[in-house]
Amino acid sequence: MTLTEFRLLLGNDWGIMLLSCILLYMFILRLRRVGGFLGIAGTIGTSVLLALLVWLQWNKYTVGQEILSIVEQQAAGYNILTMENKPMTAPRILEVNGVRYIIDAAEPHQKRHLPWTLIALPQ
C-alpha cells in the first residue's frame, strides 16, 4: 500500500483518529498526575475508541484487498457492484500514481472506484 492509498483509505477519519490520540494523551497525563475515576474512565474509553477506529480502517483495507484479488483472478463466481448497486460487467484494475482503482472496461465513460467502496456478491 502506498502513502497515497493510505491517505485515501483514511479519508475523513484521520481527524477523529488524531483527536482520539490527543485525548488519550491528555487522559494518560491526568491519570498519572491526579488519578481518579475521570483519568481511568477517560483512558479506557479513549483507548477503546481508538481501537475501534483502527479496526474500522483495517476492515476497509482487508475488504479492498479481497475485492482487488477477486478482480485480478477474474473470478466468475462474484458480481462486483458499485455503491449505486450497478453491476460491473468487465471490472479491471487501473493503477494511477500508486493507487489501484477498479474500472468497468465495458463502459465508454470509465469511472474510477476505490476497492473498499465496492461490493462483491457471490453468484
C-alpha atoms as a PDB file:
ATOM      1  CA  MET A   1       0.000   0.000   0.000  1.00  0.00           C
ATOM      2  CA  THR A   2       1.368   3.356  -0.969  1.00  0.00           C
ATOM      3  CA  LEU A   3       1.101   6.502   1.120  1.00  0.00           C
ATOM      4  CA  THR A   4      -1.495   7.874  -1.290  1.00  0.00           C
ATOM      5  CA  GLU A   5      -3.638   4.741  -0.907  1.00  0.00           C
ATOM      6  CA  PHE A   6      -3.275   5.006   2.862  1.00  0.00           C
ATOM      7  CA  ARG A   7      -4.427   8.633   2.757  1.00  0.00           C
ATOM      8  CA  LEU A   8      -7.442   7.680   0.636  1.00  0.00           C
ATOM      9  CA  LEU A   9      -8.209   4.761   2.949  1.00  0.00           C
ATOM     10  CA  LEU A  10      -8.287   7.029   5.986  1.00  0.00           C
ATOM     11  CA  GLY A  11     -10.422   9.534   4.138  1.00  0.00           C
ATOM     12  CA  ASN A  12     -12.074  11.884   6.604  1.00  0.00           C
ATOM     13  CA  ASP A  13     -11.399   9.609   9.580  1.00  0.00           C
ATOM     14  CA  TRP A  14      -7.883  10.974  10.129  1.00  0.00           C
ATOM     15  CA  GLY A  15      -9.246  13.925  12.092  1.00  0.00           C
ATOM     16  CA  ILE A  16     -11.131  11.828  14.616  1.00  0.00           C
ATOM     17  CA  MET A  17      -8.144   9.480  14.944  1.00  0.00           C
ATOM     18  CA  LEU A  18      -5.841  12.423  15.658  1.00  0.00           C
ATOM     19  CA  LEU A  19      -8.326  13.836  18.157  1.00  0.00           C
ATOM     20  CA  SER A  20      -8.550  10.430  19.852  1.00  0.00           C
ATOM     21  CA  CYS A  21      -4.755  10.266  20.166  1.00  0.00           C
ATOM     22  CA  ILE A  22      -4.659  13.744  21.709  1.00  0.00           C
ATOM     23  CA  LEU A  23      -7.457  12.842  24.134  1.00  0.00           C
ATOM     24  CA  LEU A  24      -5.707   9.619  25.084  1.00  0.00           C
ATOM     25  CA  TYR A  25      -2.517  11.554  25.803  1.00  0.00           C
ATOM     26  CA  MET A  26      -4.431  14.056  27.943  1.00  0.00           C
ATOM     27  CA  PHE A  27      -6.222  11.333  29.917  1.00  0.00           C
ATOM     28  CA  ILE A  28      -2.966   9.448  30.490  1.00  0.00           C
ATOM     29  CA  LEU A  29      -1.383  12.653  31.835  1.00  0.00           C
ATOM     30  CA  ARG A  30      -4.389  13.206  34.114  1.00  0.00           C
ATOM     31  CA  LEU A  31      -4.225   9.590  35.302  1.00  0.00           C
ATOM     32  CA  ARG A  32      -0.539   9.960  36.162  1.00  0.00           C
ATOM     33  CA  ARG A  33      -0.964  13.304  37.953  1.00  0.00           C
ATOM     34  CA  VAL A  34      -4.300  13.049  39.746  1.00  0.00           C
ATOM     35  CA  GLY A  35      -5.620   9.547  39.204  1.00  0.00           C
ATOM     36  CA  GLY A  36      -9.283   9.154  39.999  1.00  0.00           C
ATOM     37  CA  PHE A  37     -12.295   7.989  38.073  1.00  0.00           C
ATOM     38  CA  LEU A  38     -12.028  10.523  35.233  1.00  0.00           C
ATOM     39  CA  GLY A  39      -8.445   9.546  34.465  1.00  0.00           C
ATOM     40  CA  ILE A  40      -9.221   5.823  34.465  1.00  0.00           C
ATOM     41  CA  ALA A  41     -12.512   6.071  32.561  1.00  0.00           C
ATOM     42  CA  GLY A  42     -11.100   8.537  30.044  1.00  0.00           C
ATOM     43  CA  THR A  43      -8.013   6.434  29.359  1.00  0.00           C
ATOM     44  CA  ILE A  44     -10.009   3.232  28.940  1.00  0.00           C
ATOM     45  CA  GLY A  45     -12.784   4.861  26.899  1.00  0.00           C
ATOM     46  CA  THR A  46     -10.431   6.688  24.565  1.00  0.00           C
ATOM     47  CA  SER A  47      -8.321   3.546  24.114  1.00  0.00           C
ATOM     48  CA  VAL A  48     -11.441   1.610  23.134  1.00  0.00           C
ATOM     49  CA  LEU A  49     -12.472   4.379  20.715  1.00  0.00           C
ATOM     50  CA  LEU A  50      -9.033   4.400  19.115  1.00  0.00           C
ATOM     51  CA  ALA A  51      -9.027   0.603  18.863  1.00  0.00           C
ATOM     52  CA  LEU A  52     -12.441   0.664  17.168  1.00  0.00           C
ATOM     53  CA  LEU A  53     -11.286   3.289  14.672  1.00  0.00           C
ATOM     54  CA  VAL A  54      -8.174   1.264  13.824  1.00  0.00           C
ATOM     55  CA  TRP A  55     -10.326  -1.857  13.489  1.00  0.00           C
ATOM     56  CA  LEU A  56     -12.633   0.003  11.093  1.00  0.00           C
ATOM     57  CA  GLN A  57      -9.710   1.068   8.916  1.00  0.00           C
ATOM     58  CA  TRP A  58      -8.261  -2.453   8.968  1.00  0.00           C
ATOM     59  CA  ASN A  59     -11.597  -3.869   7.807  1.00  0.00           C
ATOM     60  CA  LYS A  60     -11.769  -1.351   4.946  1.00  0.00           C
ATOM     61  CA  TYR A  61      -8.240  -2.358   3.938  1.00  0.00           C
ATOM     62  CA  THR A  62      -8.900  -6.124   4.010  1.00  0.00           C
ATOM     63  CA  VAL A  63     -12.171  -5.760   2.094  1.00  0.00           C
ATOM     64  CA  GLY A  64     -10.375  -3.682  -0.531  1.00  0.00           C
ATOM     65  CA  GLN A  65      -7.595  -6.267  -0.853  1.00  0.00           C
ATOM     66  CA  GLU A  66     -10.104  -9.101  -1.261  1.00  0.00           C
ATOM     67  CA  ILE A  67     -12.017  -7.225  -3.948  1.00  0.00           C
ATOM     68  CA  LEU A  68      -8.738  -6.495  -5.739  1.00  0.00           C
ATOM     69  CA  SER A  69      -7.829 -10.195  -5.643  1.00  0.00           C
ATOM     70  CA  ILE A  70     -11.287 -11.144  -6.977  1.00  0.00           C
ATOM     71  CA  VAL A  71     -10.872  -8.705  -9.865  1.00  0.00           C
ATOM     72  CA  GLU A  72      -7.284  -9.876 -10.538  1.00  0.00           C
ATOM     73  CA  GLN A  73      -8.381 -13.516 -10.706  1.00  0.00           C
ATOM     74  CA  GLN A  74     -11.427 -12.564 -12.739  1.00  0.00           C
ATOM     75  CA  ALA A  75     -13.461 -14.853 -10.508  1.00  0.00           C
ATOM     76  CA  ALA A  76     -16.659 -15.794 -12.299  1.00  0.00           C
ATOM     77  CA  GLY A  77     -18.427 -16.621  -9.041  1.00  0.00           C
ATOM     78  CA  TYR A  78     -18.724 -12.980  -7.957  1.00  0.00           C
ATOM     79  CA  ASN A  79     -20.649  -9.934  -9.066  1.00  0.00           C
ATOM     80  CA  ILE A  80     -18.942  -6.614  -8.361  1.00  0.00           C
ATOM     81  CA  LEU A  81     -21.452  -3.874  -7.523  1.00  0.00           C
ATOM     82  CA  THR A  82     -20.875  -0.147  -7.243  1.00  0.00           C
ATOM     83  CA  MET A  83     -22.360   1.926  -4.448  1.00  0.00           C
ATOM     84  CA  GLU A  84     -25.302   2.694  -6.741  1.00  0.00           C
ATOM     85  CA  ASN A  85     -25.983  -1.099  -6.932  1.00  0.00           C
ATOM     86  CA  LYS A  86     -24.973  -1.120 -10.586  1.00  0.00           C
ATOM     87  CA  PRO A  87     -23.112  -4.324 -11.539  1.00  0.00           C
ATOM     88  CA  MET A  88     -19.771  -4.084 -13.323  1.00  0.00           C
ATOM     89  CA  THR A  89     -19.647  -6.233 -16.445  1.00  0.00           C
ATOM     90  CA  ALA A  90     -15.886  -6.194 -17.050  1.00  0.00           C
ATOM     91  CA  PRO A  91     -14.046  -4.979 -13.933  1.00  0.00           C
ATOM     92  CA  ARG A  92     -10.351  -4.205 -14.409  1.00  0.00           C
ATOM     93  CA  ILE A  93      -7.643  -2.756 -12.165  1.00  0.00           C
ATOM     94  CA  LEU A  94      -6.228   0.622 -13.132  1.00  0.00           C
ATOM     95  CA  GLU A  95      -3.149   1.897 -11.321  1.00  0.00           C
ATOM     96  CA  VAL A  96      -2.629   5.663 -11.302  1.00  0.00           C
ATOM     97  CA  ASN A  97       0.158   7.249  -9.233  1.00  0.00           C
ATOM     98  CA  GLY A  98       0.433   4.193  -6.993  1.00  0.00           C
ATOM     99  CA  VAL A  99      -3.302   3.976  -6.309  1.00  0.00           C
ATOM    100  CA  ARG A 100      -5.227   0.961  -7.573  1.00  0.00           C
ATOM    101  CA  TYR A 101      -8.694   1.779  -8.851  1.00  0.00           C
ATOM    102  CA  ILE A 102     -11.280  -0.576 -10.289  1.00  0.00           C
ATOM    103  CA  ILE A 103     -12.938   0.458 -13.535  1.00  0.00           C
ATOM    104  CA  ASP A 104     -15.545  -1.146 -15.744  1.00  0.00           C
ATOM    105  CA  ALA A 105     -13.787  -1.754 -19.064  1.00  0.00           C
ATOM    106  CA  ALA A 106     -17.113  -2.264 -20.852  1.00  0.00           C
ATOM    107  CA  GLU A 107     -18.338   1.285 -20.221  1.00  0.00           C
ATOM    108  CA  PRO A 108     -17.405   4.120 -22.582  1.00  0.00           C
ATOM    109  CA  HIS A 109     -17.033   6.625 -19.709  1.00  0.00           C
ATOM    110  CA  GLN A 110     -14.979   4.783 -17.138  1.00  0.00           C
ATOM    111  CA  LYS A 111     -15.489   5.890 -13.577  1.00  0.00           C
ATOM    112  CA  ARG A 112     -12.740   5.064 -11.075  1.00  0.00           C
ATOM    113  CA  HIS A 113     -13.812   3.239  -7.932  1.00  0.00           C
ATOM    114  CA  LEU A 114     -11.702   2.630  -4.862  1.00  0.00           C
ATOM    115  CA  PRO A 115     -11.751  -1.071  -3.929  1.00  0.00           C
ATOM    116  CA  TRP A 116     -13.289  -0.609  -0.473  1.00  0.00           C
ATOM    117  CA  THR A 117     -16.214   1.313  -1.936  1.00  0.00           C
ATOM    118  CA  LEU A 118     -17.357  -1.685  -3.987  1.00  0.00           C
ATOM    119  CA  ILE A 119     -19.394  -4.722  -3.007  1.00  0.00           C
ATOM    120  CA  ALA A 120     -18.547  -8.274  -4.072  1.00  0.00           C
ATOM    121  CA  LEU A 121     -21.566 -10.584  -4.053  1.00  0.00           C
ATOM    122  CA  PRO A 122     -21.295 -14.312  -4.695  1.00  0.00           C
ATOM    123  CA  GLN A 123     -23.498 -15.513  -7.521  1.00  0.00           C
END
